[in-house]
Amino acid sequence: AADQGYKSVAVLYKNDDWGQDMARLIAA
């Protein structure tokens, strides 16, 4: 995201242990 110059990103994640973990980490 940083290398492409994106300033904002929306996230769609699978509602399971993996997806929830990804969403939490992505936010940070």
mmCIF file of all heavy atoms, coordinates in Angstrom:
data_MODEL
# 
_entry.id   MODEL 
# 
loop_
_atom_site.group_PDB 
_atom_site.id 
_atom_site.type_symbol 
_atom_site.label_atom_id 
_atom_site.label_alt_id 
_atom_site.label_comp_id 
_atom_site.label_asym_id 
_atom_site.label_entity_id 
_atom_site.label_seq_id 
_atom_site.pdbx_PDB_ins_code 
_atom_site.Cartn_x 
_atom_site.Cartn_y 
_atom_site.Cartn_z 
_atom_site.occupancy 
_atom_site.B_iso_or_equiv 
_atom_site.pdbx_formal_charge 
_atom_site.auth_seq_id 
_atom_site.auth_comp_id 
_atom_site.auth_asym_id 
_atom_site.auth_atom_id 
_atom_site.pdbx_PDB_model_num 
ATOM 1   N N   . ALA A 1 1  ? 0.827   -1.208  0.000  1.00 0.00 ? 1  ALA A N   1 
ATOM 2   C CA  . ALA A 1 1  ? 0.000   0.000   0.000  1.00 0.00 ? 1  ALA A CA  1 
ATOM 3   C C   . ALA A 1 1  ? 0.864   1.261   0.000  1.00 0.00 ? 1  ALA A C   1 
ATOM 4   O O   . ALA A 1 1  ? 0.606   2.212   -0.751 1.00 0.00 ? 1  ALA A O   1 
ATOM 5   C CB  . ALA A 1 1  ? -0.928  -0.013  1.213  1.00 0.00 ? 1  ALA A CB  1 
ATOM 6   N N   . ALA A 1 2  ? 1.901   1.267   0.841  1.00 0.00 ? 2  ALA A N   1 
ATOM 7   C CA  . ALA A 1 2  ? 2.778   2.432   0.911  1.00 0.00 ? 2  ALA A CA  1 
ATOM 8   C C   . ALA A 1 2  ? 3.551   2.632   -0.392 1.00 0.00 ? 2  ALA A C   1 
ATOM 9   O O   . ALA A 1 2  ? 3.654   3.757   -0.904 1.00 0.00 ? 2  ALA A O   1 
ATOM 10  C CB  . ALA A 1 2  ? 3.737   2.280   2.084  1.00 0.00 ? 2  ALA A CB  1 
ATOM 11  N N   . ASP A 1 3  ? 4.077   1.542   -0.949 1.00 0.00 ? 3  ASP A N   1 
ATOM 12  C CA  . ASP A 1 3  ? 4.861   1.638   -2.184 1.00 0.00 ? 3  ASP A CA  1 
ATOM 13  C C   . ASP A 1 3  ? 4.010   2.104   -3.360 1.00 0.00 ? 3  ASP A C   1 
ATOM 14  O O   . ASP A 1 3  ? 4.506   2.779   -4.268 1.00 0.00 ? 3  ASP A O   1 
ATOM 15  C CB  . ASP A 1 3  ? 5.495   0.286   -2.514 1.00 0.00 ? 3  ASP A CB  1 
ATOM 16  C CG  . ASP A 1 3  ? 6.634   -0.092  -1.576 1.00 0.00 ? 3  ASP A CG  1 
ATOM 17  O OD1 . ASP A 1 3  ? 7.050   0.768   -0.775 1.00 0.00 ? 3  ASP A OD1 1 
ATOM 18  O OD2 . ASP A 1 3  ? 7.087   -1.251  -1.636 1.00 0.00 ? 3  ASP A OD2 1 
ATOM 19  N N   . GLN A 1 4  ? 2.729   1.729   -3.360 1.00 0.00 ? 4  GLN A N   1 
ATOM 20  C CA  . GLN A 1 4  ? 1.836   2.128   -4.451 1.00 0.00 ? 4  GLN A CA  1 
ATOM 21  C C   . GLN A 1 4  ? 1.292   3.547   -4.261 1.00 0.00 ? 4  GLN A C   1 
ATOM 22  O O   . GLN A 1 4  ? 0.602   4.064   -5.142 1.00 0.00 ? 4  GLN A O   1 
ATOM 23  C CB  . GLN A 1 4  ? 0.665   1.140   -4.546 1.00 0.00 ? 4  GLN A CB  1 
ATOM 24  C CG  . GLN A 1 4  ? 1.063   -0.259  -4.984 1.00 0.00 ? 4  GLN A CG  1 
ATOM 25  C CD  . GLN A 1 4  ? 1.679   -0.285  -6.364 1.00 0.00 ? 4  GLN A CD  1 
ATOM 26  O OE1 . GLN A 1 4  ? 1.114   0.235   -7.323 1.00 0.00 ? 4  GLN A OE1 1 
ATOM 27  N NE2 . GLN A 1 4  ? 2.863   -0.885  -6.467 1.00 0.00 ? 4  GLN A NE2 1 
ATOM 28  N N   . GLY A 1 5  ? 1.578   4.138   -3.114 1.00 0.00 ? 5  GLY A N   1 
ATOM 29  C CA  . GLY A 1 5  ? 1.108   5.495   -2.864 1.00 0.00 ? 5  GLY A CA  1 
ATOM 30  C C   . GLY A 1 5  ? -0.335  5.590   -2.435 1.00 0.00 ? 5  GLY A C   1 
ATOM 31  O O   . GLY A 1 5  ? -0.929  6.682   -2.472 1.00 0.00 ? 5  GLY A O   1 
ATOM 32  N N   . TYR A 1 6  ? -0.928  4.481   -2.004 1.00 0.00 ? 6  TYR A N   1 
ATOM 33  C CA  . TYR A 1 6  ? -2.313  4.528   -1.553 1.00 0.00 ? 6  TYR A CA  1 
ATOM 34  C C   . TYR A 1 6  ? -2.382  5.268   -0.215 1.00 0.00 ? 6  TYR A C   1 
ATOM 35  O O   . TYR A 1 6  ? -1.580  5.023   0.688  1.00 0.00 ? 6  TYR A O   1 
ATOM 36  C CB  . TYR A 1 6  ? -2.887  3.128   -1.369 1.00 0.00 ? 6  TYR A CB  1 
ATOM 37  C CG  . TYR A 1 6  ? -2.864  2.261   -2.616 1.00 0.00 ? 6  TYR A CG  1 
ATOM 38  C CD1 . TYR A 1 6  ? -2.672  0.881   -2.526 1.00 0.00 ? 6  TYR A CD1 1 
ATOM 39  C CD2 . TYR A 1 6  ? -3.036  2.815   -3.883 1.00 0.00 ? 6  TYR A CD2 1 
ATOM 40  C CE1 . TYR A 1 6  ? -2.657  0.080   -3.656 1.00 0.00 ? 6  TYR A CE1 1 
ATOM 41  C CE2 . TYR A 1 6  ? -3.012  2.025   -5.023 1.00 0.00 ? 6  TYR A CE2 1 
ATOM 42  C CZ  . TYR A 1 6  ? -2.811  0.645   -4.906 1.00 0.00 ? 6  TYR A CZ  1 
ATOM 43  O OH  . TYR A 1 6  ? -2.791  -0.145  -6.015 1.00 0.00 ? 6  TYR A OH  1 
ATOM 44  N N   . LYS A 1 7  ? -3.349  6.145   -0.085 1.00 0.00 ? 7  LYS A N   1 
ATOM 45  C CA  . LYS A 1 7  ? -3.558  6.866   1.170  1.00 0.00 ? 7  LYS A CA  1 
ATOM 46  C C   . LYS A 1 7  ? -4.653  6.236   2.022  1.00 0.00 ? 7  LYS A C   1 
ATOM 47  O O   . LYS A 1 7  ? -4.718  6.478   3.232  1.00 0.00 ? 7  LYS A O   1 
ATOM 48  C CB  . LYS A 1 7  ? -3.919  8.327   0.878  1.00 0.00 ? 7  LYS A CB  1 
ATOM 49  C CG  . LYS A 1 7  ? -2.851  9.088   0.095  1.00 0.00 ? 7  LYS A CG  1 
ATOM 50  C CD  . LYS A 1 7  ? -1.508  9.095   0.832  1.00 0.00 ? 7  LYS A CD  1 
ATOM 51  C CE  . LYS A 1 7  ? -0.459  9.892   0.074  1.00 0.00 ? 7  LYS A CE  1 
ATOM 52  N NZ  . LYS A 1 7  ? 0.877   9.813   0.729  1.00 0.00 ? 7  LYS A NZ  1 
ATOM 53  N N   . SER A 1 8  ? -5.504  5.450   1.386  1.00 0.00 ? 8  SER A N   1 
ATOM 54  C CA  . SER A 1 8  ? -6.607  4.839   2.120  1.00 0.00 ? 8  SER A CA  1 
ATOM 55  C C   . SER A 1 8  ? -6.934  3.471   1.537  1.00 0.00 ? 8  SER A C   1 
ATOM 56  O O   . SER A 1 8  ? -6.805  3.248   0.324  1.00 0.00 ? 8  SER A O   1 
ATOM 57  C CB  . SER A 1 8  ? -7.855  5.729   2.073  1.00 0.00 ? 8  SER A CB  1 
ATOM 58  O OG  . SER A 1 8  ? -8.261  5.941   0.732  1.00 0.00 ? 8  SER A OG  1 
ATOM 59  N N   . VAL A 1 9  ? -7.341  2.552   2.397  1.00 0.00 ? 9  VAL A N   1 
ATOM 60  C CA  . VAL A 1 9  ? -7.650  1.178   1.991  1.00 0.00 ? 9  VAL A CA  1 
ATOM 61  C C   . VAL A 1 9  ? -8.867  0.701   2.782  1.00 0.00 ? 9  VAL A C   1 
ATOM 62  O O   . VAL A 1 9  ? -8.955  0.941   3.991  1.00 0.00 ? 9  VAL A O   1 
ATOM 63  C CB  . VAL A 1 9  ? -6.453  0.231   2.270  1.00 0.00 ? 9  VAL A CB  1 
ATOM 64  C CG1 . VAL A 1 9  ? -6.844  -1.226  2.020  1.00 0.00 ? 9  VAL A CG1 1 
ATOM 65  C CG2 . VAL A 1 9  ? -5.266  0.596   1.395  1.00 0.00 ? 9  VAL A CG2 1 
ATOM 66  N N   . ALA A 1 10 ? -9.798  0.049   2.109  1.00 0.00 ? 10 ALA A N   1 
ATOM 67  C CA  . ALA A 1 10 ? -10.884 -0.656  2.788  1.00 0.00 ? 10 ALA A CA  1 
ATOM 68  C C   . ALA A 1 10 ? -10.521 -2.129  2.852  1.00 0.00 ? 10 ALA A C   1 
ATOM 69  O O   . ALA A 1 10 ? -9.794  -2.642  1.991  1.00 0.00 ? 10 ALA A O   1 
ATOM 70  C CB  . ALA A 1 10 ? -12.198 -0.463  2.041  1.00 0.00 ? 10 ALA A CB  1 
ATOM 71  N N   . VAL A 1 11 ? -11.012 -2.834  3.860  1.00 0.00 ? 11 VAL A N   1 
ATOM 72  C CA  . VAL A 1 11 ? -10.650 -4.230  4.088  1.00 0.00 ? 11 VAL A CA  1 
ATOM 73  C C   . VAL A 1 11 ? -11.909 -5.097  4.094  1.00 0.00 ? 11 VAL A C   1 
ATOM 74  O O   . VAL A 1 11 ? -12.885 -4.780  4.785  1.00 0.00 ? 11 VAL A O   1 
ATOM 75  C CB  . VAL A 1 11 ? -9.909  -4.395  5.430  1.00 0.00 ? 11 VAL A CB  1 
ATOM 76  C CG1 . VAL A 1 11 ? -9.573  -5.863  5.682  1.00 0.00 ? 11 VAL A CG1 1 
ATOM 77  C CG2 . VAL A 1 11 ? -8.650  -3.537  5.453  1.00 0.00 ? 11 VAL A CG2 1 
ATOM 78  N N   . LEU A 1 12 ? -11.894 -6.142  3.316  1.00 0.00 ? 12 LEU A N   1 
ATOM 79  C CA  . LEU A 1 12 ? -12.909 -7.194  3.400  1.00 0.00 ? 12 LEU A CA  1 
ATOM 80  C C   . LEU A 1 12 ? -12.196 -8.437  3.907  1.00 0.00 ? 12 LEU A C   1 
ATOM 81  O O   . LEU A 1 12 ? -11.224 -8.884  3.307  1.00 0.00 ? 12 LEU A O   1 
ATOM 82  C CB  . LEU A 1 12 ? -13.538 -7.473  2.030  1.00 0.00 ? 12 LEU A CB  1 
ATOM 83  C CG  . LEU A 1 12 ? -14.346 -6.342  1.394  1.00 0.00 ? 12 LEU A CG  1 
ATOM 84  C CD1 . LEU A 1 12 ? -14.850 -6.764  0.014  1.00 0.00 ? 12 LEU A CD1 1 
ATOM 85  C CD2 . LEU A 1 12 ? -15.528 -5.946  2.281  1.00 0.00 ? 12 LEU A CD2 1 
ATOM 86  N N   . TYR A 1 13 ? -12.665 -9.001  5.019  1.00 0.00 ? 13 TYR A N   1 
ATOM 87  C CA  . TYR A 1 13 ? -11.974 -10.144 5.609  1.00 0.00 ? 13 TYR A CA  1 
ATOM 88  C C   . TYR A 1 13 ? -12.958 -11.261 5.940  1.00 0.00 ? 13 TYR A C   1 
ATOM 89  O O   . TYR A 1 13 ? -14.122 -11.023 6.264  1.00 0.00 ? 13 TYR A O   1 
ATOM 90  C CB  . TYR A 1 13 ? -11.208 -9.733  6.869  1.00 0.00 ? 13 TYR A CB  1 
ATOM 91  C CG  . TYR A 1 13 ? -12.059 -9.267  8.028  1.00 0.00 ? 13 TYR A CG  1 
ATOM 92  C CD1 . TYR A 1 13 ? -12.507 -10.164 8.996  1.00 0.00 ? 13 TYR A CD1 1 
ATOM 93  C CD2 . TYR A 1 13 ? -12.413 -7.925  8.166  1.00 0.00 ? 13 TYR A CD2 1 
ATOM 94  C CE1 . TYR A 1 13 ? -13.290 -9.750  10.060 1.00 0.00 ? 13 TYR A CE1 1 
ATOM 95  C CE2 . TYR A 1 13 ? -13.191 -7.496  9.225  1.00 0.00 ? 13 TYR A CE2 1 
ATOM 96  C CZ  . TYR A 1 13 ? -13.624 -8.401  10.171 1.00 0.00 ? 13 TYR A CZ  1 
ATOM 97  O OH  . TYR A 1 13 ? -14.407 -7.984  11.224 1.00 0.00 ? 13 TYR A OH  1 
ATOM 98  N N   . LYS A 1 14 ? -12.471 -12.485 5.835  1.00 0.00 ? 14 LYS A N   1 
ATOM 99  C CA  . LYS A 1 14 ? -13.282 -13.653 6.164  1.00 0.00 ? 14 LYS A CA  1 
ATOM 100 C C   . LYS A 1 14 ? -13.546 -13.673 7.667  1.00 0.00 ? 14 LYS A C   1 
ATOM 101 O O   . LYS A 1 14 ? -12.636 -13.490 8.476  1.00 0.00 ? 14 LYS A O   1 
ATOM 102 C CB  . LYS A 1 14 ? -12.562 -14.934 5.736  1.00 0.00 ? 14 LYS A CB  1 
ATOM 103 C CG  . LYS A 1 14 ? -13.392 -16.201 5.922  1.00 0.00 ? 14 LYS A CG  1 
ATOM 104 C CD  . LYS A 1 14 ? -12.642 -17.402 5.354  1.00 0.00 ? 14 LYS A CD  1 
ATOM 105 C CE  . LYS A 1 14 ? -13.405 -18.693 5.607  1.00 0.00 ? 14 LYS A CE  1 
ATOM 106 N NZ  . LYS A 1 14 ? -14.683 -18.743 4.903  1.00 0.00 ? 14 LYS A NZ  1 
ATOM 107 N N   . ASN A 1 15 ? -14.774 -13.923 8.030  1.00 0.00 ? 15 ASN A N   1 
ATOM 108 C CA  . ASN A 1 15 ? -15.170 -13.868 9.434  1.00 0.00 ? 15 ASN A CA  1 
ATOM 109 C C   . ASN A 1 15 ? -14.863 -15.189 10.133 1.00 0.00 ? 15 ASN A C   1 
ATOM 110 O O   . ASN A 1 15 ? -15.750 -15.953 10.507 1.00 0.00 ? 15 ASN A O   1 
ATOM 111 C CB  . ASN A 1 15 ? -16.663 -13.524 9.554  1.00 0.00 ? 15 ASN A CB  1 
ATOM 112 C CG  . ASN A 1 15 ? -17.031 -13.079 10.962 1.00 0.00 ? 15 ASN A CG  1 
ATOM 113 O OD1 . ASN A 1 15 ? -16.156 -12.747 11.769 1.00 0.00 ? 15 ASN A OD1 1 
ATOM 114 N ND2 . ASN A 1 15 ? -18.315 -13.060 11.256 1.00 0.00 ? 15 ASN A ND2 1 
ATOM 115 N N   . ASP A 1 16 ? -13.565 -15.457 10.286 1.00 0.00 ? 16 ASP A N   1 
ATOM 116 C CA  . ASP A 1 16 ? -13.115 -16.619 11.046 1.00 0.00 ? 16 ASP A CA  1 
ATOM 117 C C   . ASP A 1 16 ? -11.844 -16.218 11.794 1.00 0.00 ? 16 ASP A C   1 
ATOM 118 O O   . ASP A 1 16 ? -11.453 -15.043 11.786 1.00 0.00 ? 16 ASP A O   1 
ATOM 119 C CB  . ASP A 1 16 ? -12.882 -17.839 10.140 1.00 0.00 ? 16 ASP A CB  1 
ATOM 120 C CG  . ASP A 1 16 ? -11.747 -17.660 9.136  1.00 0.00 ? 16 ASP A CG  1 
ATOM 121 O OD1 . ASP A 1 16 ? -11.085 -16.594 9.142  1.00 0.00 ? 16 ASP A OD1 1 
ATOM 122 O OD2 . ASP A 1 16 ? -11.496 -18.590 8.342  1.00 0.00 ? 16 ASP A OD2 1 
ATOM 123 N N   . ASP A 1 17 ? -11.201 -17.167 12.468 1.00 0.00 ? 17 ASP A N   1 
ATOM 124 C CA  . ASP A 1 17 ? -10.017 -16.838 13.266 1.00 0.00 ? 17 ASP A CA  1 
ATOM 125 C C   . ASP A 1 17 ? -8.935  -16.158 12.436 1.00 0.00 ? 17 ASP A C   1 
ATOM 126 O O   . ASP A 1 17 ? -8.317  -15.175 12.874 1.00 0.00 ? 17 ASP A O   1 
ATOM 127 C CB  . ASP A 1 17 ? -9.436  -18.109 13.904 1.00 0.00 ? 17 ASP A CB  1 
ATOM 128 C CG  . ASP A 1 17 ? -10.285 -18.631 15.046 1.00 0.00 ? 17 ASP A CG  1 
ATOM 129 O OD1 . ASP A 1 17 ? -11.194 -17.903 15.476 1.00 0.00 ? 17 ASP A OD1 1 
ATOM 130 O OD2 . ASP A 1 17 ? -10.038 -19.760 15.495 1.00 0.00 ? 17 ASP A OD2 1 
ATOM 131 N N   . TRP A 1 18 ? -8.699  -16.700 11.239 1.00 0.00 ? 18 TRP A N   1 
ATOM 132 C CA  . TRP A 1 18 ? -7.666  -16.130 10.384 1.00 0.00 ? 18 TRP A CA  1 
ATOM 133 C C   . TRP A 1 18 ? -8.030  -14.723 9.931  1.00 0.00 ? 18 TRP A C   1 
ATOM 134 O O   . TRP A 1 18 ? -7.240  -13.776 10.070 1.00 0.00 ? 18 TRP A O   1 
ATOM 135 C CB  . TRP A 1 18 ? -7.443  -17.028 9.162  1.00 0.00 ? 18 TRP A CB  1 
ATOM 136 C CG  . TRP A 1 18 ? -6.621  -16.387 8.090  1.00 0.00 ? 18 TRP A CG  1 
ATOM 137 C CD1 . TRP A 1 18 ? -5.283  -16.123 8.136  1.00 0.00 ? 18 TRP A CD1 1 
ATOM 138 C CD2 . TRP A 1 18 ? -7.079  -15.910 6.814  1.00 0.00 ? 18 TRP A CD2 1 
ATOM 139 N NE1 . TRP A 1 18 ? -4.876  -15.513 6.967  1.00 0.00 ? 18 TRP A NE1 1 
ATOM 140 C CE2 . TRP A 1 18 ? -5.958  -15.373 6.145  1.00 0.00 ? 18 TRP A CE2 1 
ATOM 141 C CE3 . TRP A 1 18 ? -8.318  -15.898 6.182  1.00 0.00 ? 18 TRP A CE3 1 
ATOM 142 C CZ2 . TRP A 1 18 ? -6.056  -14.829 4.869  1.00 0.00 ? 18 TRP A CZ2 1 
ATOM 143 C CZ3 . TRP A 1 18 ? -8.412  -15.345 4.909  1.00 0.00 ? 18 TRP A CZ3 1 
ATOM 144 C CH2 . TRP A 1 18 ? -7.284  -14.827 4.268  1.00 0.00 ? 18 TRP A CH2 1 
ATOM 145 N N   . GLY A 1 19 ? -9.230  -14.544 9.405  1.00 0.00 ? 19 GLY A N   1 
ATOM 146 C CA  . GLY A 1 19 ? -9.633  -13.244 8.891  1.00 0.00 ? 19 GLY A CA  1 
ATOM 147 C C   . GLY A 1 19 ? -9.690  -12.181 9.975  1.00 0.00 ? 19 GLY A C   1 
ATOM 148 O O   . GLY A 1 19 ? -9.277  -11.031 9.768  1.00 0.00 ? 19 GLY A O   1 
ATOM 149 N N   . GLN A 1 20 ? -10.194 -12.535 11.135 1.00 0.00 ? 20 GLN A N   1 
ATOM 150 C CA  . GLN A 1 20 ? -10.257 -11.583 12.241 1.00 0.00 ? 20 GLN A CA  1 
ATOM 151 C C   . GLN A 1 20 ? -8.852  -11.170 12.679 1.00 0.00 ? 20 GLN A C   1 
ATOM 152 O O   . GLN A 1 20 ? -8.602  -10.007 12.999 1.00 0.00 ? 20 GLN A O   1 
ATOM 153 C CB  . GLN A 1 20 ? -11.037 -12.195 13.400 1.00 0.00 ? 20 GLN A CB  1 
ATOM 154 C CG  . GLN A 1 20 ? -12.511 -12.402 13.102 1.00 0.00 ? 20 GLN A CG  1 
ATOM 155 C CD  . GLN A 1 20 ? -13.177 -13.366 14.067 1.00 0.00 ? 20 GLN A CD  1 
ATOM 156 O OE1 . GLN A 1 20 ? -12.640 -13.682 15.132 1.00 0.00 ? 20 GLN A OE1 1 
ATOM 157 N NE2 . GLN A 1 20 ? -14.356 -13.856 13.700 1.00 0.00 ? 20 GLN A NE2 1 
ATOM 158 N N   . ASP A 1 21 ? -7.955  -12.145 12.688 1.00 0.00 ? 21 ASP A N   1 
ATOM 159 C CA  . ASP A 1 21 ? -6.562  -11.847 13.037 1.00 0.00 ? 21 ASP A CA  1 
ATOM 160 C C   . ASP A 1 21 ? -5.951  -10.902 12.010 1.00 0.00 ? 21 ASP A C   1 
ATOM 161 O O   . ASP A 1 21 ? -5.264  -9.928  12.352 1.00 0.00 ? 21 ASP A O   1 
ATOM 162 C CB  . ASP A 1 21 ? -5.781  -13.160 13.095 1.00 0.00 ? 21 ASP A CB  1 
ATOM 163 C CG  . ASP A 1 21 ? -4.440  -13.028 13.806 1.00 0.00 ? 21 ASP A CG  1 
ATOM 164 O OD1 . ASP A 1 21 ? -4.370  -12.332 14.827 1.00 0.00 ? 21 ASP A OD1 1 
ATOM 165 O OD2 . ASP A 1 21 ? -3.463  -13.642 13.346 1.00 0.00 ? 21 ASP A OD2 1 
ATOM 166 N N   . MET A 1 22 ? -6.195  -11.183 10.730 1.00 0.00 ? 22 MET A N   1 
ATOM 167 C CA  . MET A 1 22 ? -5.684  -10.314 9.675  1.00 0.00 ? 22 MET A CA  1 
ATOM 168 C C   . MET A 1 22 ? -6.215  -8.897  9.827  1.00 0.00 ? 22 MET A C   1 
ATOM 169 O O   . MET A 1 22 ? -5.460  -7.921  9.741  1.00 0.00 ? 22 MET A O   1 
ATOM 170 C CB  . MET A 1 22 ? -6.072  -10.875 8.302  1.00 0.00 ? 22 MET A CB  1 
ATOM 171 C CG  . MET A 1 22 ? -5.289  -12.086 7.872  1.00 0.00 ? 22 MET A CG  1 
ATOM 172 S SD  . MET A 1 22 ? -3.541  -11.748 7.543  1.00 0.00 ? 22 MET A SD  1 
ATOM 173 C CE  . MET A 1 22 ? -3.646  -10.693 6.118  1.00 0.00 ? 22 MET A CE  1 
ATOM 174 N N   . ALA A 1 23 ? -7.515  -8.749  10.059 1.00 0.00 ? 23 ALA A N   1 
ATOM 175 C CA  . ALA A 1 23 ? -8.115  -7.425  10.168 1.00 0.00 ? 23 ALA A CA  1 
ATOM 176 C C   . ALA A 1 23 ? -7.500  -6.638  11.320 1.00 0.00 ? 23 ALA A C   1 
ATOM 177 O O   . ALA A 1 23 ? -7.235  -5.429  11.203 1.00 0.00 ? 23 ALA A O   1 
ATOM 178 C CB  . ALA A 1 23 ? -9.625  -7.554  10.352 1.00 0.00 ? 23 ALA A CB  1 
ATOM 179 N N   . ARG A 1 24 ? -7.264  -7.315  12.438 1.00 0.00 ? 24 ARG A N   1 
ATOM 180 C CA  . ARG A 1 24 ? -6.670  -6.652  13.596 1.00 0.00 ? 24 ARG A CA  1 
ATOM 181 C C   . ARG A 1 24 ? -5.249  -6.169  13.287 1.00 0.00 ? 24 ARG A C   1 
ATOM 182 O O   . ARG A 1 24 ? -4.876  -5.035  13.604 1.00 0.00 ? 24 ARG A O   1 
ATOM 183 C CB  . ARG A 1 24 ? -6.655  -7.623  14.772 1.00 0.00 ? 24 ARG A CB  1 
ATOM 184 C CG  . ARG A 1 24 ? -5.994  -7.093  16.034 1.00 0.00 ? 24 ARG A CG  1 
ATOM 185 C CD  . ARG A 1 24 ? -6.007  -8.125  17.138 1.00 0.00 ? 24 ARG A CD  1 
ATOM 186 N NE  . ARG A 1 24 ? -5.265  -9.339  16.795 1.00 0.00 ? 24 ARG A NE  1 
ATOM 187 C CZ  . ARG A 1 24 ? -3.951  -9.459  16.879 1.00 0.00 ? 24 ARG A CZ  1 
ATOM 188 N NH1 . ARG A 1 24 ? -3.211  -8.417  17.289 1.00 0.00 ? 24 ARG A NH1 1 
ATOM 189 N NH2 . ARG A 1 24 ? -3.349  -10.588 16.560 1.00 0.00 ? 24 ARG A NH2 1 
ATOM 190 N N   . LEU A 1 25 ? -4.457  -7.036  12.659 1.00 0.00 ? 25 LEU A N   1 
ATOM 191 C CA  . LEU A 1 25 ? -3.075  -6.683  12.344 1.00 0.00 ? 25 LEU A CA  1 
ATOM 192 C C   . LEU A 1 25 ? -2.991  -5.603  11.274 1.00 0.00 ? 25 LEU A C   1 
ATOM 193 O O   . LEU A 1 25 ? -2.149  -4.697  11.342 1.00 0.00 ? 25 LEU A O   1 
ATOM 194 C CB  . LEU A 1 25 ? -2.319  -7.929  11.887 1.00 0.00 ? 25 LEU A CB  1 
ATOM 195 C CG  . LEU A 1 25 ? -2.091  -8.996  12.963 1.00 0.00 ? 25 LEU A CG  1 
ATOM 196 C CD1 . LEU A 1 25 ? -1.647  -10.305 12.326 1.00 0.00 ? 25 LEU A CD1 1 
ATOM 197 C CD2 . LEU A 1 25 ? -1.065  -8.521  13.977 1.00 0.00 ? 25 LEU A CD2 1 
ATOM 198 N N   . ILE A 1 26 ? -3.872  -5.699  10.275 1.00 0.00 ? 26 ILE A N   1 
ATOM 199 C CA  . ILE A 1 26 ? -3.877  -4.717  9.189  1.00 0.00 ? 26 ILE A CA  1 
ATOM 200 C C   . ILE A 1 26 ? -4.139  -3.317  9.728  1.00 0.00 ? 26 ILE A C   1 
ATOM 201 O O   . ILE A 1 26 ? -3.504  -2.339  9.307  1.00 0.00 ? 26 ILE A O   1 
ATOM 202 C CB  . ILE A 1 26 ? -4.933  -5.104  8.131  1.00 0.00 ? 26 ILE A CB  1 
ATOM 203 C CG1 . ILE A 1 26 ? -4.428  -6.289  7.296  1.00 0.00 ? 26 ILE A CG1 1 
ATOM 204 C CG2 . ILE A 1 26 ? -5.282  -3.926  7.231  1.00 0.00 ? 26 ILE A CG2 1 
ATOM 205 C CD1 . ILE A 1 26 ? -5.508  -6.948  6.472  1.00 0.00 ? 26 ILE A CD1 1 
ATOM 206 N N   . ALA A 1 27 ? -5.070  -3.212  10.661 1.00 0.00 ? 27 ALA A N   1 
ATOM 207 C CA  . ALA A 1 27 ? -5.399  -1.902  11.211 1.00 0.00 ? 27 ALA A CA  1 
ATOM 208 C C   . ALA A 1 27 ? -4.155  -1.224  11.789 1.00 0.00 ? 27 ALA A C   1 
ATOM 209 O O   . ALA A 1 27 ? -3.930  -0.019  11.593 1.00 0.00 ? 27 ALA A O   1 
ATOM 210 C CB  . ALA A 1 27 ? -6.476  -2.047  12.286 1.00 0.00 ? 27 ALA A CB  1 
ATOM 211 N N   . ALA A 1 28 ? -3.324  -1.997  12.483 1.00 0.00 ? 28 ALA A N   1 
ATOM 212 C CA  . ALA A 1 28 ? -2.116  -1.439  13.095 1.00 0.00 ? 28 ALA A CA  1 
ATOM 213 C C   . ALA A 1 28 ? -1.017  -1.199  12.062 1.00 0.00 ? 28 ALA A C   1 
ATOM 214 O O   . ALA A 1 28 ? -0.377  -0.138  12.051 1.00 0.00 ? 28 ALA A O   1 
ATOM 215 C CB  . ALA A 1 28 ? -1.615  -2.377  14.187 1.00 0.00 ? 28 ALA A CB  1 
# 
